[in-house]
Amino acid sequence: FSDAGSFGFSPAFGDLDNDGDADLVVGEKDGFLFFVENTAGAGAPMSFGAPQFGWMGIDAGQFATPQIADLNRDGLMDLVIGRHGRQVQYYQNQGTPGAPFFDPDKNNPPNIAELGGMMAESIIPQVFTSTAFGAPTVLDFGDSFKILLGSDNGKIKLYDHIENNLDGTFDLLTETFGNTKEGFRIRQAAADLNDDGFLDLVVGNFRGGLSFFSTNLSTDGMISATQQIDNQLFVKIFPNPADQFIRLEKTGADAAPMRVRVFNSMGVSLAERVFYSDEMTFETSRWPAGFYYIQMEQNGFIFTQKIALHH
């Protein structure tokens, strides 16, 4: 991909050519798409052909962030694309099961330039809002959809009432799904990673690193009133970047012991402690400058944060 002189890549997988395997579509900084066909076939290890840059002539705007989903339930996989500019775009697949085709003009029906009235949010409310970046995640529950929308402000919106309503306005269920706030320009993915019947959430941000959360959104699309959302483990880590030390402070009410591990960028464990009190300090003056990962485990949930050391 870098041979095309681009960066800011955002991948999505889906069976666009209806051959039983997951193809790859990648958005990039200028709003264009790469298409990479998976030629392996159903059940076989992935085998990709050469990337096709500028696929279908689609230009979604800067930093295209695609998703692949059959949003109109016609048996053809469509494109839902977040971008720099708040709105989310919809490109309907107008081809055939074995040959996808997309009209690159977002304003030509059945394409939709501002899908469902969804809007990403700037890091500074009411200031430069038109420059906000949005990252959608389409959740397909078989008979209904929900869409998560990550924004510059570190929060995730959750939308509903999407099925048979593409030309309408989606219902905004919450502007702060899970009460997470994971930094600048976030991107998220969701799946039931621990097989408990509820979707888990992996969130990345512009700085790098990933955070893991459990949610109260079940795999059938229902939101449980009794399943508690274990957000970040309510720990403040500072300073970041650090020099001589890093300090962890509990900001939540859960008094259960927390196991803390520190890894370097190569995955080597440097320290491990059990966190019983409200704060903990690690001496870092002898650690080389670079990136480190603080892994915190409490009550079976794991949260990881990336920090930088500068000496």
C-alpha atoms as a PDB file:
ATOM      1  CA  PHE A   1       0.000   0.000   0.000  1.00  0.00           C
ATOM      2  CA  SER A   2       2.826   2.412   0.791  1.00  0.00           C
ATOM      3  CA  ASP A   3       4.033   2.060  -2.803  1.00  0.00           C
ATOM      4  CA  ALA A   4       0.999   4.164  -3.764  1.00  0.00           C
ATOM      5  CA  GLY A   5       2.468   7.059  -1.746  1.00  0.00           C
ATOM      6  CA  SER A   6      -0.277   6.966   0.824  1.00  0.00           C
ATOM      7  CA  PHE A   7      -0.821   6.416   4.544  1.00  0.00           C
ATOM      8  CA  GLY A   8      -3.604   6.585   7.123  1.00  0.00           C
ATOM      9  CA  PHE A   9      -4.860   3.134   6.170  1.00  0.00           C
ATOM     10  CA  SER A  10      -8.176   1.794   7.453  1.00  0.00           C
ATOM     11  CA  PRO A  11      -9.024  -1.838   6.539  1.00  0.00           C
ATOM     12  CA  ALA A  12     -12.368  -3.608   6.260  1.00  0.00           C
ATOM     13  CA  PHE A  13     -13.152  -7.223   5.363  1.00  0.00           C
ATOM     14  CA  GLY A  14     -16.208  -8.614   3.597  1.00  0.00           C
ATOM     15  CA  ASP A  15     -17.228 -10.985   0.819  1.00  0.00           C
ATOM     16  CA  LEU A  16     -17.753  -8.471  -1.977  1.00  0.00           C
ATOM     17  CA  ASP A  17     -17.620 -10.973  -4.844  1.00  0.00           C
ATOM     18  CA  ASN A  18     -19.807 -13.622  -3.173  1.00  0.00           C
ATOM     19  CA  ASP A  19     -17.258 -16.439  -3.458  1.00  0.00           C
ATOM     20  CA  GLY A  20     -17.332 -17.437   0.204  1.00  0.00           C
ATOM     21  CA  ASP A  21     -14.196 -15.658   1.425  1.00  0.00           C
ATOM     22  CA  ALA A  22     -13.497 -12.228   2.879  1.00  0.00           C
ATOM     23  CA  ASP A  23     -12.039  -9.627   0.527  1.00  0.00           C
ATOM     24  CA  LEU A  24     -10.176  -6.541   1.720  1.00  0.00           C
ATOM     25  CA  VAL A  25     -11.042  -2.873   1.198  1.00  0.00           C
ATOM     26  CA  VAL A  26      -8.654  -0.267   2.624  1.00  0.00           C
ATOM     27  CA  GLY A  27      -9.345   3.444   2.972  1.00  0.00           C
ATOM     28  CA  GLU A  28      -6.482   5.954   2.953  1.00  0.00           C
ATOM     29  CA  LYS A  29      -5.601   9.576   3.648  1.00  0.00           C
ATOM     30  CA  ASP A  30      -6.925  11.100   0.413  1.00  0.00           C
ATOM     31  CA  GLY A  31     -10.273   9.328   0.583  1.00  0.00           C
ATOM     32  CA  PHE A  32      -9.618   6.688  -2.061  1.00  0.00           C
ATOM     33  CA  LEU A  33      -9.946   2.933  -1.648  1.00  0.00           C
ATOM     34  CA  PHE A  34      -7.721  -0.063  -2.259  1.00  0.00           C
ATOM     35  CA  PHE A  35      -9.444  -3.314  -3.211  1.00  0.00           C
ATOM     36  CA  VAL A  36      -7.612  -6.592  -2.645  1.00  0.00           C
ATOM     37  CA  GLU A  37      -9.412  -9.733  -3.761  1.00  0.00           C
ATOM     38  CA  ASN A  38      -9.128 -12.831  -1.627  1.00  0.00           C
ATOM     39  CA  THR A  39      -8.826 -15.670  -4.129  1.00  0.00           C
ATOM     40  CA  ALA A  40      -8.572 -18.483  -1.572  1.00  0.00           C
ATOM     41  CA  GLY A  41     -12.189 -19.604  -1.532  1.00  0.00           C
ATOM     42  CA  ALA A  42     -14.405 -20.601   1.370  1.00  0.00           C
ATOM     43  CA  GLY A  43     -12.633 -22.103   4.375  1.00  0.00           C
ATOM     44  CA  ALA A  44      -9.122 -21.743   2.927  1.00  0.00           C
ATOM     45  CA  PRO A  45      -6.298 -19.561   4.310  1.00  0.00           C
ATOM     46  CA  MET A  46      -6.413 -16.066   2.859  1.00  0.00           C
ATOM     47  CA  SER A  47      -4.610 -15.525  -0.438  1.00  0.00           C
ATOM     48  CA  PHE A  48      -4.704 -12.004  -1.812  1.00  0.00           C
ATOM     49  CA  GLY A  49      -4.182 -10.685  -5.317  1.00  0.00           C
ATOM     50  CA  ALA A  50      -2.511  -7.397  -6.199  1.00  0.00           C
ATOM     51  CA  PRO A  51      -4.026  -4.267  -4.595  1.00  0.00           C
ATOM     52  CA  GLN A  52      -6.164  -2.118  -6.883  1.00  0.00           C
ATOM     53  CA  PHE A  53      -5.743   1.554  -5.943  1.00  0.00           C
ATOM     54  CA  GLY A  54      -8.514   4.069  -6.632  1.00  0.00           C
ATOM     55  CA  TRP A  55     -11.048   1.243  -6.721  1.00  0.00           C
ATOM     56  CA  MET A  56     -14.322   2.125  -8.487  1.00  0.00           C
ATOM     57  CA  GLY A  57     -13.235   5.770  -8.589  1.00  0.00           C
ATOM     58  CA  ILE A  58     -14.701   6.339  -5.116  1.00  0.00           C
ATOM     59  CA  ASP A  59     -13.391   9.459  -3.353  1.00  0.00           C
ATOM     60  CA  ALA A  60     -15.040   9.678   0.057  1.00  0.00           C
ATOM     61  CA  GLY A  61     -12.944  12.619   1.255  1.00  0.00           C
ATOM     62  CA  GLN A  62      -9.838  12.594   3.409  1.00  0.00           C
ATOM     63  CA  PHE A  63      -9.086   9.577   5.603  1.00  0.00           C
ATOM     64  CA  ALA A  64     -11.748   7.218   4.300  1.00  0.00           C
ATOM     65  CA  THR A  65     -12.765   4.629   6.915  1.00  0.00           C
ATOM     66  CA  PRO A  66     -14.853   1.929   5.202  1.00  0.00           C
ATOM     67  CA  GLN A  67     -17.139  -0.809   6.422  1.00  0.00           C
ATOM     68  CA  ILE A  68     -18.596  -3.618   4.302  1.00  0.00           C
ATOM     69  CA  ALA A  69     -22.201  -4.645   5.021  1.00  0.00           C
ATOM     70  CA  ASP A  70     -25.374  -5.527   3.126  1.00  0.00           C
ATOM     71  CA  LEU A  71     -27.205  -2.556   4.566  1.00  0.00           C
ATOM     72  CA  ASN A  72     -30.242  -2.768   2.250  1.00  0.00           C
ATOM     73  CA  ARG A  73     -30.550  -6.595   2.550  1.00  0.00           C
ATOM     74  CA  ASP A  74     -30.503  -7.257  -1.199  1.00  0.00           C
ATOM     75  CA  GLY A  75     -27.791  -9.926  -1.044  1.00  0.00           C
ATOM     76  CA  LEU A  76     -25.017  -7.579  -2.221  1.00  0.00           C
ATOM     77  CA  MET A  77     -22.410  -6.124   0.125  1.00  0.00           C
ATOM     78  CA  ASP A  78     -22.473  -2.309   0.302  1.00  0.00           C
ATOM     79  CA  LEU A  79     -19.952   0.258   1.538  1.00  0.00           C
ATOM     80  CA  VAL A  80     -20.418   2.525   4.568  1.00  0.00           C
ATOM     81  CA  ILE A  81     -17.579   5.043   4.752  1.00  0.00           C
ATOM     82  CA  GLY A  82     -16.600   7.458   7.508  1.00  0.00           C
ATOM     83  CA  ARG A  83     -14.372  10.377   6.633  1.00  0.00           C
ATOM     84  CA  HIS A  84     -12.913  13.744   7.503  1.00  0.00           C
ATOM     85  CA  GLY A  85     -15.985  15.957   7.553  1.00  0.00           C
ATOM     86  CA  ARG A  86     -18.374  14.446  10.143  1.00  0.00           C
ATOM     87  CA  GLN A  87     -20.820  12.724   7.776  1.00  0.00           C
ATOM     88  CA  VAL A  88     -20.939   9.026   6.967  1.00  0.00           C
ATOM     89  CA  GLN A  89     -21.457   8.053   3.324  1.00  0.00           C
ATOM     90  CA  TYR A  90     -23.331   5.073   1.858  1.00  0.00           C
ATOM     91  CA  TYR A  91     -22.425   3.513  -1.489  1.00  0.00           C
ATOM     92  CA  GLN A  92     -24.909   0.882  -2.616  1.00  0.00           C
ATOM     93  CA  ASN A  93     -23.644  -2.133  -4.497  1.00  0.00           C
ATOM     94  CA  GLN A  94     -25.414  -2.001  -7.881  1.00  0.00           C
ATOM     95  CA  GLY A  95     -23.608  -4.968  -9.420  1.00  0.00           C
ATOM     96  CA  THR A  96     -24.301  -8.685  -9.347  1.00  0.00           C
ATOM     97  CA  PRO A  97     -23.373 -11.323  -6.731  1.00  0.00           C
ATOM     98  CA  GLY A  98     -20.089 -12.145  -8.485  1.00  0.00           C
ATOM     99  CA  ALA A  99     -19.270  -8.683  -9.805  1.00  0.00           C
ATOM    100  CA  PRO A 100     -19.696  -5.759  -7.410  1.00  0.00           C
ATOM    101  CA  PHE A 101     -20.234  -2.298  -8.918  1.00  0.00           C
ATOM    102  CA  PHE A 102     -20.392   1.076  -7.175  1.00  0.00           C
ATOM    103  CA  ASP A 103     -21.291   4.483  -8.605  1.00  0.00           C
ATOM    104  CA  PRO A 104     -18.520   6.758  -7.243  1.00  0.00           C
ATOM    105  CA  ASP A 105     -20.818   9.802  -6.994  1.00  0.00           C
ATOM    106  CA  LYS A 106     -22.079   9.921  -3.428  1.00  0.00           C
ATOM    107  CA  ASN A 107     -24.943  12.221  -4.469  1.00  0.00           C
ATOM    108  CA  ASN A 108     -26.410   9.843  -7.053  1.00  0.00           C
ATOM    109  CA  PRO A 109     -29.211   7.680  -5.640  1.00  0.00           C
ATOM    110  CA  PRO A 110     -29.270   5.055  -4.309  1.00  0.00           C
ATOM    111  CA  ASN A 111     -26.031   6.360  -2.757  1.00  0.00           C
ATOM    112  CA  ILE A 112     -26.505   8.574   0.300  1.00  0.00           C
ATOM    113  CA  ALA A 113     -24.081  11.396   1.095  1.00  0.00           C
ATOM    114  CA  GLU A 114     -25.184  11.794   4.731  1.00  0.00           C
ATOM    115  CA  LEU A 115     -26.324   8.390   5.946  1.00  0.00           C
ATOM    116  CA  GLY A 116     -28.912   8.412   8.723  1.00  0.00           C
ATOM    117  CA  GLY A 117     -27.976  11.882   9.917  1.00  0.00           C
ATOM    118  CA  MET A 118     -24.972  10.395  11.715  1.00  0.00           C
ATOM    119  CA  MET A 119     -22.382  12.970  12.743  1.00  0.00           C
ATOM    120  CA  ALA A 120     -18.880  12.572  14.156  1.00  0.00           C
ATOM    121  CA  GLU A 121     -17.769  15.035  16.830  1.00  0.00           C
ATOM    122  CA  SER A 122     -14.753  17.329  17.054  1.00  0.00           C
ATOM    123  CA  ILE A 123     -12.372  17.204  19.985  1.00  0.00           C
ATOM    124  CA  ILE A 124     -13.447  20.782  20.794  1.00  0.00           C
ATOM    125  CA  PRO A 125     -17.249  21.072  20.836  1.00  0.00           C
ATOM    126  CA  GLN A 126     -18.705  23.711  18.528  1.00  0.00           C
ATOM    127  CA  VAL A 127     -15.247  24.547  17.169  1.00  0.00           C
ATOM    128  CA  PHE A 128     -14.056  23.321  13.764  1.00  0.00           C
ATOM    129  CA  THR A 129     -16.798  20.680  13.868  1.00  0.00           C
ATOM    130  CA  SER A 130     -16.696  20.301  10.091  1.00  0.00           C
ATOM    131  CA  THR A 131     -13.192  18.864  10.411  1.00  0.00           C
ATOM    132  CA  ALA A 132     -14.165  15.986  12.699  1.00  0.00           C
ATOM    133  CA  PHE A 133     -13.197  12.464  11.613  1.00  0.00           C
ATOM    134  CA  GLY A 134     -15.753   9.653  11.875  1.00  0.00           C
ATOM    135  CA  ALA A 135     -15.167   5.892  12.032  1.00  0.00           C
ATOM    136  CA  PRO A 136     -18.286   3.689  11.708  1.00  0.00           C
ATOM    137  CA  THR A 137     -18.588   0.070  12.786  1.00  0.00           C
ATOM    138  CA  VAL A 138     -21.636  -1.717  11.361  1.00  0.00           C
ATOM    139  CA  LEU A 139     -23.058  -4.423  13.630  1.00  0.00           C
ATOM    140  CA  ASP A 140     -25.232  -6.926  11.735  1.00  0.00           C
ATOM    141  CA  PHE A 141     -27.518  -8.975  13.997  1.00  0.00           C
ATOM    142  CA  GLY A 142     -29.261 -10.794  11.151  1.00  0.00           C
ATOM    143  CA  ASP A 143     -32.621  -9.054  11.437  1.00  0.00           C
ATOM    144  CA  SER A 144     -31.379  -5.631  12.494  1.00  0.00           C
ATOM    145  CA  PHE A 145     -28.350  -3.362  12.447  1.00  0.00           C
ATOM    146  CA  LYS A 146     -26.694  -1.043  14.900  1.00  0.00           C
ATOM    147  CA  ILE A 147     -23.831   1.316  14.060  1.00  0.00           C
ATOM    148  CA  LEU A 148     -21.053   2.509  16.350  1.00  0.00           C
ATOM    149  CA  LEU A 149     -19.452   5.822  15.360  1.00  0.00           C
ATOM    150  CA  GLY A 150     -16.081   6.801  16.799  1.00  0.00           C
ATOM    151  CA  SER A 151     -15.037  10.453  16.749  1.00  0.00           C
ATOM    152  CA  ASP A 152     -12.157  12.827  17.361  1.00  0.00           C
ATOM    153  CA  ASN A 153     -13.445  13.514  20.878  1.00  0.00           C
ATOM    154  CA  GLY A 154     -12.698   9.936  21.983  1.00  0.00           C
ATOM    155  CA  LYS A 155     -16.347   8.975  22.453  1.00  0.00           C
ATOM    156  CA  ILE A 156     -18.471   6.407  20.636  1.00  0.00           C
ATOM    157  CA  LYS A 157     -22.042   7.022  19.498  1.00  0.00           C
ATOM    158  CA  LEU A 158     -24.516   4.153  19.109  1.00  0.00           C
ATOM    159  CA  TYR A 159     -27.241   4.325  16.430  1.00  0.00           C
ATOM    160  CA  ASP A 160     -30.326   2.165  15.900  1.00  0.00           C
ATOM    161  CA  HIS A 161     -33.442   2.074  13.647  1.00  0.00           C
ATOM    162  CA  ILE A 162     -31.356   1.428  10.534  1.00  0.00           C
ATOM    163  CA  GLU A 163     -33.216  -1.491   8.961  1.00  0.00           C
ATOM    164  CA  ASN A 164     -35.510  -0.265   6.122  1.00  0.00           C
ATOM    165  CA  ASN A 165     -34.655   3.319   7.080  1.00  0.00           C
ATOM    166  CA  LEU A 166     -31.605   4.184   4.979  1.00  0.00           C
ATOM    167  CA  ASP A 167     -33.234   7.337   3.624  1.00  0.00           C
ATOM    168  CA  GLY A 168     -34.376   8.413   7.073  1.00  0.00           C
ATOM    169  CA  THR A 169     -32.731   9.532  10.304  1.00  0.00           C
ATOM    170  CA  PHE A 170     -31.299   6.852  12.577  1.00  0.00           C
ATOM    171  CA  ASP A 171     -32.059   6.839  16.292  1.00  0.00           C
ATOM    172  CA  LEU A 172     -29.126   7.997  18.438  1.00  0.00           C
ATOM    173  CA  LEU A 173     -29.271   5.671  21.457  1.00  0.00           C
ATOM    174  CA  THR A 174     -26.298   7.249  23.218  1.00  0.00           C
ATOM    175  CA  GLU A 175     -23.520   9.729  22.515  1.00  0.00           C
ATOM    176  CA  THR A 176     -21.200   7.972  24.990  1.00  0.00           C
ATOM    177  CA  PHE A 177     -21.473   4.221  24.457  1.00  0.00           C
ATOM    178  CA  GLY A 178     -19.850   2.494  27.431  1.00  0.00           C
ATOM    179  CA  ASN A 179     -18.795   5.896  28.831  1.00  0.00           C
ATOM    180  CA  THR A 180     -15.422   5.360  27.178  1.00  0.00           C
ATOM    181  CA  LYS A 181     -13.146   8.241  26.238  1.00  0.00           C
ATOM    182  CA  GLU A 182     -10.020   6.802  24.680  1.00  0.00           C
ATOM    183  CA  GLY A 183      -8.186   9.813  23.337  1.00  0.00           C
ATOM    184  CA  PHE A 184      -8.043  11.550  19.973  1.00  0.00           C
ATOM    185  CA  ARG A 185      -9.507  10.181  16.718  1.00  0.00           C
ATOM    186  CA  ILE A 186     -10.623   6.756  17.837  1.00  0.00           C
ATOM    187  CA  ARG A 187     -11.463   3.665  15.804  1.00  0.00           C
ATOM    188  CA  GLN A 188     -13.323   0.661  17.215  1.00  0.00           C
ATOM    189  CA  ALA A 189     -14.143  -2.948  16.394  1.00  0.00           C
ATOM    190  CA  ALA A 190     -16.638  -5.251  18.088  1.00  0.00           C
ATOM    191  CA  ALA A 191     -16.989  -9.028  18.481  1.00  0.00           C
ATOM    192  CA  ASP A 192     -17.763 -11.558  21.220  1.00  0.00           C
ATOM    193  CA  LEU A 193     -14.128 -12.330  22.020  1.00  0.00           C
ATOM    194  CA  ASN A 194     -14.706 -14.213  25.275  1.00  0.00           C
ATOM    195  CA  ASP A 195     -17.800 -16.164  24.181  1.00  0.00           C
ATOM    196  CA  ASP A 196     -20.071 -14.796  26.934  1.00  0.00           C
ATOM    197  CA  GLY A 197     -22.919 -13.759  24.621  1.00  0.00           C
ATOM    198  CA  PHE A 198     -22.021 -10.061  24.750  1.00  0.00           C
ATOM    199  CA  LEU A 199     -19.975  -8.014  22.309  1.00  0.00           C
ATOM    200  CA  ASP A 200     -16.526  -6.903  23.381  1.00  0.00           C
ATOM    201  CA  LEU A 201     -15.010  -3.676  22.136  1.00  0.00           C
ATOM    202  CA  VAL A 202     -11.439  -3.009  21.001  1.00  0.00           C
ATOM    203  CA  VAL A 203     -10.616   0.686  20.642  1.00  0.00           C
ATOM    204  CA  GLY A 204      -7.539   2.296  19.116  1.00  0.00           C
ATOM    205  CA  ASN A 205      -6.631   5.960  18.881  1.00  0.00           C
ATOM    206  CA  PHE A 206      -4.339   8.300  16.965  1.00  0.00           C
ATOM    207  CA  ARG A 207      -1.503   7.889  19.477  1.00  0.00           C
ATOM    208  CA  GLY A 208      -1.456   4.112  19.128  1.00  0.00           C
ATOM    209  CA  GLY A 209      -2.192   1.138  21.338  1.00  0.00           C
ATOM    210  CA  LEU A 210      -5.448  -0.704  21.941  1.00  0.00           C
ATOM    211  CA  SER A 211      -7.940  -0.819  24.788  1.00  0.00           C
ATOM    212  CA  PHE A 212     -10.357  -3.662  25.512  1.00  0.00           C
ATOM    213  CA  PHE A 213     -13.861  -3.333  26.982  1.00  0.00           C
ATOM    214  CA  SER A 214     -16.806  -5.572  27.685  1.00  0.00           C
ATOM    215  CA  THR A 215     -20.238  -4.201  26.756  1.00  0.00           C
ATOM    216  CA  ASN A 216     -23.896  -4.791  27.635  1.00  0.00           C
ATOM    217  CA  LEU A 217     -24.779  -5.245  23.940  1.00  0.00           C
ATOM    218  CA  SER A 218     -25.636  -8.896  23.353  1.00  0.00           C
ATOM    219  CA  THR A 219     -24.832 -10.836  20.205  1.00  0.00           C
ATOM    220  CA  ASP A 220     -28.537 -10.746  19.240  1.00  0.00           C
ATOM    221  CA  GLY A 221     -28.560  -6.948  19.309  1.00  0.00           C
ATOM    222  CA  MET A 222     -30.348  -6.517  22.634  1.00  0.00           C
ATOM    223  CA  ILE A 223     -29.012  -4.141  25.271  1.00  0.00           C
ATOM    224  CA  SER A 224     -29.026  -5.771  28.689  1.00  0.00           C
ATOM    225  CA  ALA A 225     -30.145  -3.765  31.689  1.00  0.00           C
ATOM    226  CA  THR A 226     -28.437  -6.164  34.098  1.00  0.00           C
ATOM    227  CA  GLN A 227     -25.110  -6.876  32.367  1.00  0.00           C
ATOM    228  CA  GLN A 228     -22.764  -4.217  33.670  1.00  0.00           C
ATOM    229  CA  ILE A 229     -20.378  -2.476  31.297  1.00  0.00           C
ATOM    230  CA  ASP A 230     -16.840  -2.853  32.599  1.00  0.00           C
ATOM    231  CA  ASN A 231     -15.247   0.194  31.061  1.00  0.00           C
ATOM    232  CA  GLN A 232     -11.609   1.023  31.412  1.00  0.00           C
ATOM    233  CA  LEU A 233     -10.555  -0.110  34.849  1.00  0.00           C
ATOM    234  CA  PHE A 234     -10.764   3.446  36.127  1.00  0.00           C
ATOM    235  CA  VAL A 235      -7.028   3.938  36.469  1.00  0.00           C
ATOM    236  CA  LYS A 236      -5.217   7.182  35.712  1.00  0.00           C
ATOM    237  CA  ILE A 237      -1.657   6.704  34.401  1.00  0.00           C
ATOM    238  CA  PHE A 238       0.674   9.725  34.405  1.00  0.00           C
ATOM    239  CA  PRO A 239       2.843  11.420  33.355  1.00  0.00           C
ATOM    240  CA  ASN A 240       2.687  10.374  29.711  1.00  0.00           C
ATOM    241  CA  PRO A 241       5.252  10.849  28.244  1.00  0.00           C
ATOM    242  CA  ALA A 242       7.210   9.932  31.354  1.00  0.00           C
ATOM    243  CA  ASP A 243      10.845  10.200  32.448  1.00  0.00           C
ATOM    244  CA  GLN A 244      11.832   9.075  35.953  1.00  0.00           C
ATOM    245  CA  PHE A 245       8.601   7.351  37.008  1.00  0.00           C
ATOM    246  CA  ILE A 246       5.039   6.485  36.088  1.00  0.00           C
ATOM    247  CA  ARG A 247       2.221   6.582  38.610  1.00  0.00           C
ATOM    248  CA  LEU A 248      -1.070   4.692  38.574  1.00  0.00           C
ATOM    249  CA  GLU A 249      -4.041   6.003  40.550  1.00  0.00           C
ATOM    250  CA  LYS A 250      -7.368   4.247  40.931  1.00  0.00           C
ATOM    251  CA  THR A 251     -10.264   6.564  40.162  1.00  0.00           C
ATOM    252  CA  GLY A 252     -13.077   3.997  40.471  1.00  0.00           C
ATOM    253  CA  ALA A 253     -14.783   2.467  43.478  1.00  0.00           C
ATOM    254  CA  ASP A 254     -13.825  -1.171  42.851  1.00  0.00           C
ATOM    255  CA  ALA A 255     -11.474  -2.224  45.669  1.00  0.00           C
ATOM    256  CA  ALA A 256     -10.652  -5.656  44.206  1.00  0.00           C
ATOM    257  CA  PRO A 257      -6.935  -6.349  43.709  1.00  0.00           C
ATOM    258  CA  MET A 258      -5.556  -5.416  40.294  1.00  0.00           C
ATOM    259  CA  ARG A 259      -2.604  -7.136  38.654  1.00  0.00           C
ATOM    260  CA  VAL A 260      -0.357  -4.725  36.739  1.00  0.00           C
ATOM    261  CA  ARG A 261       2.224  -5.807  34.167  1.00  0.00           C
ATOM    262  CA  VAL A 262       4.626  -3.641  32.168  1.00  0.00           C
ATOM    263  CA  PHE A 263       5.850  -4.763  28.745  1.00  0.00           C
ATOM    264  CA  ASN A 264       8.307  -3.146  26.372  1.00  0.00           C
ATOM    265  CA  SER A 265       7.599  -2.752  22.649  1.00  0.00           C
ATOM    266  CA  MET A 266       9.010  -6.245  21.991  1.00  0.00           C
ATOM    267  CA  GLY A 267       6.530  -7.840  24.382  1.00  0.00           C
ATOM    268  CA  VAL A 268       9.121  -8.545  27.095  1.00  0.00           C
ATOM    269  CA  SER A 269       7.718  -8.309  30.624  1.00  0.00           C
ATOM    270  CA  LEU A 270       9.681  -5.812  32.739  1.00  0.00           C
ATOM    271  CA  ALA A 271       7.642  -5.662  35.920  1.00  0.00           C
ATOM    272  CA  GLU A 272       4.604  -7.204  37.569  1.00  0.00           C
ATOM    273  CA  ARG A 273       2.818  -6.173  40.760  1.00  0.00           C
ATOM    274  CA  VAL A 274      -0.543  -6.556  42.460  1.00  0.00           C
ATOM    275  CA  PHE A 275      -2.293  -3.257  43.064  1.00  0.00           C
ATOM    276  CA  TYR A 276      -3.984  -3.283  46.516  1.00  0.00           C
ATOM    277  CA  SER A 277      -3.898   0.398  47.407  1.00  0.00           C
ATOM    278  CA  ASP A 278      -5.212   3.460  45.557  1.00  0.00           C
ATOM    279  CA  GLU A 279      -1.903   4.276  43.894  1.00  0.00           C
ATOM    280  CA  MET A 280       1.280   2.644  42.630  1.00  0.00           C
ATOM    281  CA  THR A 281       4.573   3.996  41.243  1.00  0.00           C
ATOM    282  CA  PHE A 282       7.071   2.379  38.901  1.00  0.00           C
ATOM    283  CA  GLU A 283      10.649   3.656  38.750  1.00  0.00           C
ATOM    284  CA  THR A 284      11.479   4.093  35.050  1.00  0.00           C
ATOM    285  CA  SER A 285      14.754   6.026  35.033  1.00  0.00           C
ATOM    286  CA  ARG A 286      16.750   2.919  34.056  1.00  0.00           C
ATOM    287  CA  TRP A 287      14.411   1.816  31.291  1.00  0.00           C
ATOM    288  CA  PRO A 288      15.454   2.863  27.778  1.00  0.00           C
ATOM    289  CA  ALA A 289      13.444   5.561  26.041  1.00  0.00           C
ATOM    290  CA  GLY A 290      10.664   4.160  23.895  1.00  0.00           C
ATOM    291  CA  PHE A 291       7.110   2.857  24.093  1.00  0.00           C
ATOM    292  CA  TYR A 292       5.781   0.619  26.856  1.00  0.00           C
ATOM    293  CA  TYR A 293       2.466  -1.082  27.570  1.00  0.00           C
ATOM    294  CA  ILE A 294       0.771  -1.100  30.975  1.00  0.00           C
ATOM    295  CA  GLN A 295      -1.579  -4.075  31.274  1.00  0.00           C
ATOM    296  CA  MET A 296      -4.105  -4.019  34.127  1.00  0.00           C
ATOM    297  CA  GLU A 297      -6.245  -7.020  35.056  1.00  0.00           C
ATOM    298  CA  GLN A 298      -9.117  -6.921  37.530  1.00  0.00           C
ATOM    299  CA  ASN A 299     -12.114  -9.233  38.019  1.00  0.00           C
ATOM    300  CA  GLY A 300     -11.271 -11.074  34.799  1.00  0.00           C
ATOM    301  CA  PHE A 301     -11.168  -7.920  32.653  1.00  0.00           C
ATOM    302  CA  ILE A 302      -7.994  -6.649  31.010  1.00  0.00           C
ATOM    303  CA  PHE A 303      -7.177  -3.097  29.953  1.00  0.00           C
ATOM    304  CA  THR A 304      -3.939  -1.981  28.310  1.00  0.00           C
ATOM    305  CA  GLN A 305      -2.555   1.519  27.881  1.00  0.00           C
ATOM    306  CA  LYS A 306       0.462   2.635  25.893  1.00  0.00           C
ATOM    307  CA  ILE A 307       2.948   5.104  27.387  1.00  0.00           C
ATOM    308  CA  ALA A 308       6.118   6.752  26.111  1.00  0.00           C
ATOM    309  CA  LEU A 309       9.404   7.244  27.976  1.00  0.00           C
ATOM    310  CA  HIS A 310      11.587  10.230  27.105  1.00  0.00           C
ATOM    311  CA  HIS A 311      14.879  10.763  28.952  1.00  0.00           C
END
